[in-house]
């Protein structure tokens, strides 16, 4: 899904989620050290992320979008195969078979 397909609310939610997860990553302490954020703040971030995810799911369902979309590498093989059909040659073959 590209950015222009998203509503303003979806873009806001995506940005809020990104900022909250960046705050969590940036404040993560080294092993054995105390976390600089309080337990209440950490719990608040978790609750906010949960609400954001729930609303994103509601909006995706409302707009008929799948939540299973994942980024892909350019060289990653696709699971679907597109087979081009030449309808003219198929019609000609059917006509020959009828004769």
Protein backbone atom coordinates (compact mmCIF):
# COMPACT_ATOMS: atom_id res chain seq x y z
CA UNK A 1 0.00 0.00 0.00
CA UNK A 2 1.46 3.33 -0.99
CA UNK A 3 1.14 6.50 1.05
CA UNK A 4 -1.37 8.26 -1.28
CA UNK A 5 -3.84 5.40 -0.75
CA UNK A 6 -3.93 6.08 3.00
CA UNK A 7 -6.38 8.45 4.65
CA UNK A 8 -5.14 11.30 6.81
CA UNK A 9 -6.08 9.36 9.95
CA UNK A 10 -4.14 6.31 8.74
CA UNK A 11 -1.06 8.44 8.03
CA UNK A 12 -1.31 10.01 11.51
CA UNK A 13 -1.62 6.60 13.16
CA UNK A 14 1.33 5.23 11.19
CA UNK A 15 3.50 8.21 12.17
CA UNK A 16 2.46 7.99 15.84
CA UNK A 17 3.32 4.30 15.90
CA UNK A 18 6.70 4.99 14.30
CA UNK A 19 7.51 7.76 16.81
CA UNK A 20 6.48 5.66 19.82
CA UNK A 21 8.53 2.67 18.68
CA UNK A 22 11.51 4.97 17.98
CA UNK A 23 11.25 6.37 21.52
CA UNK A 24 11.23 2.83 22.90
CA UNK A 25 14.27 1.87 20.80
CA UNK A 26 16.20 5.06 21.57
CA UNK A 27 15.69 4.73 25.33
CA UNK A 28 16.40 1.00 25.56
CA UNK A 29 19.19 0.53 28.11
CA UNK A 30 22.18 -1.74 27.85
CA UNK A 31 21.70 -5.15 29.50
CA UNK A 32 21.84 -4.88 33.27
CA UNK A 33 21.06 -1.14 33.41
CA UNK A 34 17.83 0.45 34.65
CA UNK A 35 15.40 1.75 32.01
CA UNK A 36 15.27 5.59 31.91
CA UNK A 37 11.48 5.58 31.43
CA UNK A 38 9.15 4.85 34.34
CA UNK A 39 7.05 1.69 34.38
CA UNK A 40 3.92 3.84 33.96
CA UNK A 41 5.37 5.51 30.86
CA UNK A 42 6.36 2.14 29.37
CA UNK A 43 2.87 0.78 30.08
CA UNK A 44 1.33 3.91 28.51
CA UNK A 45 3.41 3.41 25.35
CA UNK A 46 2.27 -0.23 25.17
CA UNK A 47 -1.39 0.77 25.57
CA UNK A 48 -1.07 3.52 22.93
CA UNK A 49 0.51 1.08 20.46
CA UNK A 50 -2.29 -1.41 21.16
CA UNK A 51 -4.97 1.23 20.51
CA UNK A 52 -3.20 2.39 17.35
CA UNK A 53 -3.03 -1.18 16.03
CA UNK A 54 -6.70 -1.79 16.83
CA UNK A 55 -7.74 1.40 15.02
CA UNK A 56 -5.54 0.56 12.02
CA UNK A 57 -7.29 -2.82 11.79
CA UNK A 58 -10.72 -1.15 11.97
CA UNK A 59 -9.81 1.31 9.22
CA UNK A 60 -8.33 -1.43 7.02
CA UNK A 61 -11.50 -3.50 7.40
CA UNK A 62 -13.66 -0.43 6.73
CA UNK A 63 -11.76 0.29 3.49
CA UNK A 64 -11.57 -3.38 2.45
CA UNK A 65 -7.80 -3.62 2.82
CA UNK A 66 -5.78 -6.59 3.98
CA UNK A 67 -3.58 -6.25 7.07
CA UNK A 68 -1.31 -9.02 5.74
CA UNK A 69 0.59 -6.77 3.34
CA UNK A 70 4.30 -6.91 4.00
CA UNK A 71 7.22 -5.16 2.34
CA UNK A 72 9.02 -7.19 -0.30
CA UNK A 73 12.53 -7.10 -1.67
CA UNK A 74 12.79 -6.30 -5.36
CA UNK A 75 14.54 -9.61 -6.10
CA UNK A 76 12.16 -11.66 -3.91
CA UNK A 77 10.24 -14.23 -5.96
CA UNK A 78 6.53 -13.59 -6.20
CA UNK A 79 4.14 -16.31 -5.10
CA UNK A 80 1.67 -15.63 -7.92
CA UNK A 81 2.33 -16.34 -11.57
CA UNK A 82 0.77 -14.27 -14.35
CA UNK A 83 0.04 -16.20 -17.52
CA UNK A 84 -0.67 -13.98 -20.53
CA UNK A 85 -3.52 -15.20 -22.69
CA UNK A 86 -3.83 -14.56 -26.38
CA UNK A 87 -7.60 -14.63 -26.83
CA UNK A 88 -7.45 -14.34 -30.61
CA UNK A 89 -5.44 -17.53 -31.00
CA UNK A 90 -7.74 -19.32 -28.55
CA UNK A 91 -10.81 -18.30 -30.56
CA UNK A 92 -9.18 -19.48 -33.79
CA UNK A 93 -8.35 -22.82 -32.23
CA UNK A 94 -11.94 -23.23 -31.02
CA UNK A 95 -13.22 -22.47 -34.54
CA UNK A 96 -10.88 -25.10 -36.00
CA UNK A 97 -12.00 -27.65 -33.43
CA UNK A 98 -15.68 -26.98 -34.28
CA UNK A 99 -15.08 -27.58 -37.99
